[in-house]
Amino acid sequence: MRLFDGRIRKLRRSSEGLACAHELTFSCYRRLSLLGRDRTRQWFLSALDAARRKHELELWAYVITPEHVQVLFAPLDPSYSIRQVLQTTKQPVSRRAINLLRTNRPEWLKNLTSEPTGQIHVWQPGGGYDRNVVSPRTAWSIVRYI
């Protein structure tokens, strides 16, 4: 557990292996509606597609809401890393969003700035939620939910 913004946050833990799929859920910083525009959703989709190709993932389902993302995928390459998949997916979106705000709405960056560190966040720190999915029944349940 880690203390962040006065709240206790669980740190993401994952187990990697080809025997399971992964359900990932991660939120925008402070649950802000940063994915509420087509432009930012397109940035996310481009990054997700890049991660799918780079890390050889079979994408089963995803949903983008204004304040969070949920993805279900199965790795095809035994040397994949959830940390690297998340980095490949989240980092390009963060860079583009922060650059856009710096250029067009610099006053809005204060909403994304952490008080103790001054660091700018697009995604909620802590890595999000990672669930290993080993049962086809569970996978189909997640697909229906998404």
Protein backbone atom coordinates (compact mmCIF):
# COMPACT_ATOMS: atom_id res chain seq x y z
CA MET A 1 0.00 0.00 0.00
CA ARG A 2 1.09 3.55 -0.64
CA LEU A 3 -0.25 6.82 0.71
CA PHE A 4 -1.18 9.22 -2.09
CA ASP A 5 -3.11 12.50 -1.84
CA GLY A 6 -4.14 11.56 1.70
CA ARG A 7 -5.59 8.21 0.62
CA ILE A 8 -4.20 4.71 0.83
CA ARG A 9 -3.73 3.19 -2.61
CA LYS A 10 -3.07 -0.46 -3.38
CA LEU A 11 0.00 -1.07 -5.47
CA ARG A 12 -0.61 -3.10 -8.62
CA ARG A 13 0.64 -6.65 -8.50
CA SER A 14 0.67 -8.96 -11.46
CA SER A 15 1.70 -12.44 -12.37
CA GLU A 16 2.94 -12.86 -15.90
CA GLY A 17 2.67 -15.99 -17.95
CA LEU A 18 1.13 -17.31 -21.14
CA ALA A 19 -1.37 -19.38 -19.20
CA CYS A 20 -3.50 -16.35 -18.44
CA ALA A 21 -5.08 -13.29 -19.95
CA HIS A 22 -5.06 -9.95 -18.14
CA GLU A 23 -7.81 -7.54 -17.25
CA LEU A 24 -6.31 -4.09 -16.71
CA THR A 25 -8.18 -1.12 -15.34
CA PHE A 26 -6.53 2.25 -14.84
CA SER A 27 -7.94 5.67 -14.07
CA CYS A 28 -7.23 9.24 -15.02
CA TYR A 29 -5.61 11.38 -12.36
CA ARG A 30 -8.07 12.23 -9.58
CA ARG A 31 -10.78 10.54 -11.70
CA LEU A 32 -10.88 13.61 -13.95
CA SER A 33 -12.70 13.18 -17.28
CA LEU A 34 -9.51 13.40 -19.32
CA LEU A 35 -10.74 10.83 -21.85
CA GLY A 36 -14.01 12.66 -22.47
CA ARG A 37 -13.04 13.96 -25.91
CA ASP A 38 -12.66 12.08 -29.18
CA ARG A 39 -9.12 13.44 -29.56
CA THR A 40 -7.84 11.88 -26.33
CA ARG A 41 -9.72 8.63 -26.94
CA GLN A 42 -8.04 8.42 -30.36
CA TRP A 43 -4.65 8.99 -28.71
CA PHE A 44 -5.42 6.12 -26.35
CA LEU A 45 -6.54 3.82 -29.17
CA SER A 46 -3.36 4.56 -31.12
CA ALA A 47 -1.25 3.80 -28.05
CA LEU A 48 -3.21 0.61 -27.33
CA ASP A 49 -2.70 -0.55 -30.91
CA ALA A 50 1.03 0.21 -30.67
CA ALA A 51 1.22 -1.82 -27.44
CA ARG A 52 -0.72 -4.67 -29.08
CA ARG A 53 1.76 -4.82 -31.96
CA LYS A 54 4.94 -4.20 -29.95
CA HIS A 55 4.19 -6.69 -27.16
CA GLU A 56 2.31 -9.23 -29.32
CA LEU A 57 -1.00 -9.04 -27.49
CA GLU A 58 -4.30 -10.49 -28.57
CA LEU A 59 -6.80 -7.77 -27.66
CA TRP A 60 -10.10 -9.31 -26.55
CA ALA A 61 -12.08 -6.30 -25.32
CA TYR A 62 -11.73 -2.74 -24.10
CA VAL A 63 -13.81 0.20 -22.98
CA ILE A 64 -12.85 3.85 -22.66
CA THR A 65 -14.92 5.96 -20.29
CA PRO A 66 -14.23 9.64 -19.62
CA GLU A 67 -12.31 8.82 -16.43
CA HIS A 68 -10.92 5.30 -16.82
CA VAL A 69 -10.01 2.47 -19.20
CA GLN A 70 -10.58 -1.26 -18.96
CA VAL A 71 -8.73 -3.69 -21.25
CA LEU A 72 -8.76 -7.48 -21.59
CA PHE A 73 -5.92 -9.08 -23.54
CA ALA A 74 -3.92 -12.28 -23.87
CA PRO A 75 -0.15 -12.20 -24.46
CA LEU A 76 1.24 -14.22 -27.36
CA ASP A 77 4.91 -13.66 -26.51
CA PRO A 78 6.25 -15.40 -23.38
CA SER A 79 8.62 -12.52 -22.62
CA TYR A 80 5.94 -9.85 -22.14
CA SER A 81 5.88 -7.50 -19.17
CA ILE A 82 2.72 -5.89 -17.79
CA ARG A 83 4.81 -2.90 -16.70
CA GLN A 84 6.05 -2.41 -20.27
CA VAL A 85 2.56 -2.90 -21.73
CA LEU A 86 1.23 -0.20 -19.39
CA GLN A 87 4.12 2.11 -20.21
CA THR A 88 3.64 1.68 -23.96
CA THR A 89 -0.08 2.35 -23.59
CA LYS A 90 -0.14 5.19 -21.07
CA GLN A 91 3.02 7.20 -21.73
CA PRO A 92 2.18 8.49 -25.26
CA VAL A 93 -1.25 9.65 -24.10
CA SER A 94 0.30 11.48 -21.14
CA ARG A 95 2.88 13.21 -23.32
CA ARG A 96 0.35 14.36 -25.88
CA ALA A 97 -2.14 15.58 -23.28
CA ILE A 98 0.47 17.49 -21.28
CA ASN A 99 1.95 19.05 -24.43
CA LEU A 100 -1.51 20.11 -25.61
CA LEU A 101 -2.30 21.68 -22.25
CA ARG A 102 1.07 23.45 -22.03
CA THR A 103 0.42 25.00 -25.42
CA ASN A 104 -3.31 25.79 -25.20
CA ARG A 105 -4.41 25.75 -21.55
CA PRO A 106 -1.37 26.02 -19.25
CA GLU A 107 -3.54 27.21 -16.36
CA TRP A 108 -5.32 23.82 -16.40
CA LEU A 109 -2.09 21.93 -15.59
CA LYS A 110 -2.56 22.79 -11.90
CA ASN A 111 -5.42 20.24 -11.88
CA LEU A 112 -2.92 17.53 -12.84
CA THR A 113 -0.14 18.55 -10.48
CA SER A 114 0.61 16.58 -7.34
CA GLU A 115 0.97 18.87 -4.33
CA PRO A 116 3.89 17.21 -2.57
CA THR A 117 6.06 16.59 -5.65
CA GLY A 118 4.89 19.08 -8.28
CA GLN A 119 4.76 16.20 -10.76
CA ILE A 120 2.13 16.38 -13.52
CA HIS A 121 -0.05 13.27 -13.87
CA VAL A 122 -2.53 12.16 -16.51
CA TRP A 123 -3.00 8.71 -14.95
CA GLN A 124 -3.68 7.93 -11.31
CA PRO A 125 -0.41 6.72 -9.71
CA GLY A 126 -0.21 3.13 -8.50
CA GLY A 127 -0.51 1.25 -11.78
CA GLY A 128 -4.22 0.49 -11.59
CA TYR A 129 -5.88 -2.90 -11.31
CA ASP A 130 -4.47 -6.04 -12.91
CA ARG A 131 -6.42 -9.28 -12.71
CA ASN A 132 -5.09 -12.55 -14.07
CA VAL A 133 -7.78 -14.34 -16.03
CA VAL A 134 -7.32 -18.10 -16.38
CA SER A 135 -10.89 -19.31 -16.89
CA PRO A 136 -12.74 -18.92 -20.21
CA ARG A 137 -15.92 -18.38 -18.20
CA THR A 138 -14.32 -15.45 -16.37
CA ALA A 139 -12.98 -14.02 -19.64
CA TRP A 140 -16.45 -14.11 -21.23
CA SER A 141 -17.93 -12.51 -18.14
CA ILE A 142 -15.43 -9.64 -18.45
CA VAL A 143 -16.15 -9.27 -22.18
CA ARG A 144 -19.89 -9.03 -21.47
CA TYR A 145 -19.26 -6.49 -18.70
CA ILE A 146 -17.04 -4.35 -20.91
